[in-house]
Amino acid sequence: PPARREAPVGDAATVQKIADELRARLAEPDLQPEELARRHGWSTSTFRRRWAALRPESPSRALQTLRMQAACRLHNGMATFAEAGVSDGEVS
């Protein structure tokens, strides 16, 4: 894999905000990480590059992982729908 470059501090804060928003909006079936990046003023390519400099998996894979973790917590009775980031009793 290519070597990771050091990301500016502002990038790290923005990537964390986007990751937090992904976590908070897991139940939205049409949620796209790139859409959140645009709301923060980044193009899709800039977002992917800055995310990759800070995170081991792609934004889409991160969203998928978060959803799977929420589903597992629900299945195992370790969380309520609200705690798992799911609304209306549906897991995306």
N, C-alpha and C. Protein backbone atom coordinates (compact mmCIF):
# COMPACT_ATOMS: atom_id res chain seq x y z
N PRO A 1 0.83 -1.20 0.00
CA PRO A 1 0.00 0.00 0.00
C PRO A 1 0.87 1.25 0.00
N PRO A 2 0.36 2.32 -0.57
CA PRO A 2 1.13 3.56 -0.59
C PRO A 2 1.34 4.11 0.82
N ALA A 3 2.46 4.81 0.98
CA ALA A 3 2.75 5.41 2.29
C ALA A 3 1.75 6.51 2.59
N ARG A 4 1.39 6.61 3.84
CA ARG A 4 0.47 7.67 4.26
C ARG A 4 1.21 8.97 4.45
N ARG A 5 0.58 10.03 4.00
CA ARG A 5 1.15 11.36 4.21
C ARG A 5 0.57 11.95 5.48
N GLU A 6 1.31 12.84 6.07
CA GLU A 6 0.85 13.53 7.28
C GLU A 6 -0.26 14.51 6.88
N ALA A 7 -1.39 14.43 7.55
CA ALA A 7 -2.51 15.32 7.24
C ALA A 7 -2.46 16.55 8.15
N PRO A 8 -2.82 17.71 7.59
CA PRO A 8 -2.89 18.91 8.44
C PRO A 8 -3.90 18.73 9.56
N VAL A 9 -3.69 19.43 10.66
CA VAL A 9 -4.56 19.32 11.84
C VAL A 9 -6.01 19.64 11.50
N GLY A 10 -6.24 20.65 10.70
CA GLY A 10 -7.61 21.00 10.31
C GLY A 10 -8.29 19.87 9.56
N ASP A 11 -7.53 19.14 8.75
CA ASP A 11 -8.09 18.00 8.04
C ASP A 11 -8.54 16.92 9.01
N ALA A 12 -7.73 16.65 10.01
CA ALA A 12 -8.06 15.63 11.00
C ALA A 12 -9.36 15.99 11.72
N ALA A 13 -9.52 17.25 12.07
CA ALA A 13 -10.73 17.68 12.77
C ALA A 13 -11.95 17.53 11.87
N THR A 14 -11.81 17.89 10.59
CA THR A 14 -12.94 17.78 9.67
C THR A 14 -13.28 16.32 9.39
N VAL A 15 -12.28 15.49 9.20
CA VAL A 15 -12.53 14.06 8.99
C VAL A 15 -13.24 13.48 10.21
N GLN A 16 -12.84 13.87 11.39
CA GLN A 16 -13.50 13.38 12.61
C GLN A 16 -14.94 13.84 12.68
N LYS A 17 -15.21 15.09 12.29
CA LYS A 17 -16.60 15.59 12.27
C LYS A 17 -17.45 14.78 11.31
N ILE A 18 -16.89 14.47 10.14
CA ILE A 18 -17.63 13.68 9.16
C ILE A 18 -17.86 12.27 9.69
N ALA A 19 -16.85 11.67 10.30
CA ALA A 19 -17.00 10.32 10.89
C ALA A 19 -18.07 10.33 11.98
N ASP A 20 -18.08 11.36 12.81
CA ASP A 20 -19.09 11.47 13.86
C ASP A 20 -20.49 11.61 13.26
N GLU A 21 -20.59 12.37 12.18
CA GLU A 21 -21.89 12.54 11.54
C GLU A 21 -22.35 11.24 10.89
N LEU A 22 -21.44 10.49 10.31
CA LEU A 22 -21.79 9.17 9.77
C LEU A 22 -22.37 8.29 10.87
N ARG A 23 -21.70 8.28 12.01
CA ARG A 23 -22.15 7.47 13.15
C ARG A 23 -23.54 7.90 13.62
N ALA A 24 -23.79 9.19 13.63
CA ALA A 24 -25.06 9.72 14.12
C ALA A 24 -26.21 9.49 13.14
N ARG A 25 -25.88 9.26 11.87
CA ARG A 25 -26.93 9.17 10.84
C ARG A 25 -26.97 7.80 10.17
N LEU A 26 -26.60 6.76 10.90
CA LEU A 26 -26.52 5.41 10.34
C LEU A 26 -27.82 4.93 9.69
N ALA A 27 -28.94 5.32 10.22
CA ALA A 27 -30.22 4.80 9.75
C ALA A 27 -30.68 5.41 8.43
N GLU A 28 -29.99 6.41 7.95
CA GLU A 28 -30.39 7.05 6.69
C GLU A 28 -29.90 6.20 5.52
N PRO A 29 -30.82 5.55 4.80
CA PRO A 29 -30.39 4.61 3.76
C PRO A 29 -29.63 5.26 2.60
N ASP A 30 -29.87 6.52 2.33
CA ASP A 30 -29.21 7.18 1.20
C ASP A 30 -27.99 7.99 1.62
N LEU A 31 -27.56 7.83 2.84
CA LEU A 31 -26.42 8.60 3.35
C LEU A 31 -25.16 8.28 2.55
N GLN A 32 -24.49 9.31 2.07
CA GLN A 32 -23.25 9.16 1.32
C GLN A 32 -22.17 9.99 2.00
N PRO A 33 -21.05 9.37 2.37
CA PRO A 33 -19.97 10.13 3.00
C PRO A 33 -19.53 11.33 2.17
N GLU A 34 -19.49 11.18 0.85
CA GLU A 34 -19.05 12.27 -0.01
C GLU A 34 -19.99 13.48 0.08
N GLU A 35 -21.27 13.22 0.30
CA GLU A 35 -22.25 14.30 0.47
C GLU A 35 -21.91 15.12 1.72
N LEU A 36 -21.53 14.44 2.78
CA LEU A 36 -21.14 15.14 4.01
C LEU A 36 -19.88 15.96 3.78
N ALA A 37 -18.96 15.41 3.01
CA ALA A 37 -17.72 16.14 2.71
C ALA A 37 -18.01 17.43 1.96
N ARG A 38 -18.92 17.36 1.00
CA ARG A 38 -19.29 18.58 0.25
C ARG A 38 -19.87 19.64 1.18
N ARG A 39 -20.61 19.20 2.18
CA ARG A 39 -21.16 20.16 3.15
C ARG A 39 -20.06 20.84 3.94
N HIS A 40 -18.89 20.21 4.00
CA HIS A 40 -17.74 20.79 4.69
C HIS A 40 -16.81 21.50 3.72
N GLY A 41 -17.25 21.63 2.46
CA GLY A 41 -16.49 22.38 1.47
C GLY A 41 -15.42 21.61 0.74
N TRP A 42 -15.45 20.28 0.80
CA TRP A 42 -14.45 19.47 0.12
C TRP A 42 -15.06 18.79 -1.09
N SER A 43 -14.28 18.69 -2.17
CA SER A 43 -14.69 17.90 -3.32
C SER A 43 -14.56 16.42 -2.95
N THR A 44 -15.15 15.56 -3.77
CA THR A 44 -15.06 14.13 -3.50
C THR A 44 -13.61 13.65 -3.49
N SER A 45 -12.82 14.08 -4.47
CA SER A 45 -11.42 13.62 -4.53
C SER A 45 -10.60 14.14 -3.35
N THR A 46 -10.82 15.39 -2.97
CA THR A 46 -10.12 15.94 -1.81
C THR A 46 -10.51 15.18 -0.55
N PHE A 47 -11.78 14.91 -0.40
CA PHE A 47 -12.26 14.18 0.76
C PHE A 47 -11.63 12.80 0.84
N ARG A 48 -11.67 12.07 -0.25
CA ARG A 48 -11.12 10.71 -0.23
C ARG A 48 -9.63 10.71 0.09
N ARG A 49 -8.90 11.67 -0.48
CA ARG A 49 -7.46 11.76 -0.22
C ARG A 49 -7.19 12.09 1.24
N ARG A 50 -7.92 13.05 1.78
CA ARG A 50 -7.70 13.46 3.18
C ARG A 50 -8.15 12.37 4.15
N TRP A 51 -9.26 11.70 3.84
CA TRP A 51 -9.72 10.59 4.67
C TRP A 51 -8.66 9.48 4.68
N ALA A 52 -8.15 9.13 3.49
CA ALA A 52 -7.17 8.04 3.36
C ALA A 52 -5.88 8.34 4.12
N ALA A 53 -5.56 9.60 4.26
CA ALA A 53 -4.35 9.97 5.00
C ALA A 53 -4.51 9.73 6.50
N LEU A 54 -5.76 9.60 6.95
CA LEU A 54 -6.02 9.49 8.39
C LEU A 54 -6.70 8.19 8.83
N ARG A 55 -7.33 7.50 7.91
CA ARG A 55 -8.13 6.33 8.26
C ARG A 55 -7.71 5.12 7.45
N PRO A 56 -7.79 3.92 8.04
CA PRO A 56 -7.35 2.72 7.33
C PRO A 56 -8.34 2.20 6.28
N GLU A 57 -9.62 2.56 6.38
CA GLU A 57 -10.59 2.06 5.42
C GLU A 57 -11.28 3.23 4.71
N SER A 58 -11.86 2.95 3.56
CA SER A 58 -12.52 4.00 2.78
C SER A 58 -13.73 4.53 3.55
N PRO A 59 -14.21 5.72 3.18
CA PRO A 59 -15.40 6.26 3.86
C PRO A 59 -16.62 5.35 3.73
N SER A 60 -16.82 4.78 2.55
CA SER A 60 -17.97 3.89 2.35
C SER A 60 -17.83 2.62 3.18
N ARG A 61 -16.62 2.09 3.26
CA ARG A 61 -16.38 0.90 4.07
C ARG A 61 -16.57 1.23 5.55
N ALA A 62 -16.15 2.41 5.96
CA ALA A 62 -16.33 2.82 7.36
C ALA A 62 -17.81 2.88 7.70
N LEU A 63 -18.62 3.43 6.79
CA LEU A 63 -20.06 3.50 7.02
C LEU A 63 -20.65 2.09 7.11
N GLN A 64 -20.23 1.22 6.21
CA GLN A 64 -20.70 -0.16 6.24
C GLN A 64 -20.32 -0.84 7.56
N THR A 65 -19.10 -0.63 8.01
CA THR A 65 -18.64 -1.21 9.27
C THR A 65 -19.46 -0.70 10.44
N LEU A 66 -19.71 0.60 10.47
CA LEU A 66 -20.52 1.18 11.55
C LEU A 66 -21.93 0.57 11.56
N ARG A 67 -22.51 0.40 10.39
CA ARG A 67 -23.86 -0.19 10.31
C ARG A 67 -23.85 -1.64 10.77
N MET A 68 -22.84 -2.38 10.39
CA MET A 68 -22.75 -3.78 10.82
C MET A 68 -22.55 -3.88 12.34
N GLN A 69 -21.74 -3.00 12.89
CA GLN A 69 -21.55 -2.99 14.34
C GLN A 69 -22.85 -2.67 15.06
N ALA A 70 -23.62 -1.72 14.53
CA ALA A 70 -24.91 -1.38 15.14
C ALA A 70 -25.86 -2.56 15.06
N ALA A 71 -25.89 -3.25 13.93
CA ALA A 71 -26.76 -4.42 13.77
C ALA A 71 -26.37 -5.52 14.74
N CYS A 72 -25.09 -5.73 14.92
CA CYS A 72 -24.62 -6.75 15.87
C CYS A 72 -25.02 -6.41 17.30
N ARG A 73 -24.88 -5.13 17.67
CA ARG A 73 -25.29 -4.72 19.03
C ARG A 73 -26.78 -4.95 19.23
N LEU A 74 -27.58 -4.64 18.22
CA LEU A 74 -29.02 -4.87 18.32
C LEU A 74 -29.32 -6.37 18.42
N HIS A 75 -28.71 -7.15 17.56
CA HIS A 75 -28.95 -8.58 17.52
C HIS A 75 -28.58 -9.24 18.85
N ASN A 76 -27.52 -8.79 19.44
CA ASN A 76 -27.05 -9.38 20.70
C ASN A 76 -27.69 -8.76 21.93
N GLY A 77 -28.63 -7.85 21.73
CA GLY A 77 -29.32 -7.23 22.86
C GLY A 77 -28.45 -6.28 23.65
N MET A 78 -27.38 -5.80 23.03
CA MET A 78 -26.44 -4.92 23.74
C MET A 78 -26.80 -3.45 23.60
N ALA A 79 -27.82 -3.15 22.79
CA ALA A 79 -28.18 -1.76 22.59
C ALA A 79 -29.65 -1.67 22.20
N THR A 80 -30.25 -0.54 22.52
CA THR A 80 -31.58 -0.24 22.02
C THR A 80 -31.42 0.33 20.62
N PHE A 81 -32.54 0.51 19.93
CA PHE A 81 -32.47 1.10 18.60
C PHE A 81 -31.80 2.47 18.64
N ALA A 82 -32.18 3.28 19.59
CA ALA A 82 -31.61 4.63 19.69
C ALA A 82 -30.11 4.57 19.99
N GLU A 83 -29.71 3.68 20.87
CA GLU A 83 -28.28 3.56 21.21
C GLU A 83 -27.45 3.05 20.04
N ALA A 84 -28.08 2.24 19.19
CA ALA A 84 -27.37 1.69 18.04
C ALA A 84 -27.37 2.64 16.86
N GLY A 85 -28.03 3.77 16.99
CA GLY A 85 -28.07 4.74 15.89
C GLY A 85 -29.10 4.41 14.84
N VAL A 86 -30.15 3.72 15.25
CA VAL A 86 -31.19 3.28 14.33
C VAL A 86 -32.50 3.94 14.73
N SER A 87 -33.24 4.41 13.73
CA SER A 87 -34.54 5.01 14.01
C SER A 87 -35.65 4.14 13.45
N ASP A 88 -36.81 4.25 14.00
CA ASP A 88 -38.00 3.56 13.51
C ASP A 88 -37.85 2.03 13.48
N GLY A 89 -36.91 1.51 14.25
CA GLY A 89 -36.77 0.06 14.32
C GLY A 89 -36.20 -0.58 13.08
N GLU A 90 -35.58 0.20 12.20
CA GLU A 90 -35.02 -0.37 10.97
C GLU A 90 -33.52 -0.17 10.94
N VAL A 91 -32.81 -1.21 10.59
CA VAL A 91 -31.36 -1.11 10.42
C VAL A 91 -31.11 -0.95 8.93
N SER A 92 -30.31 0.03 8.58
CA SER A 92 -29.99 0.26 7.16
C SER A 92 -28.98 -0.74 6.69
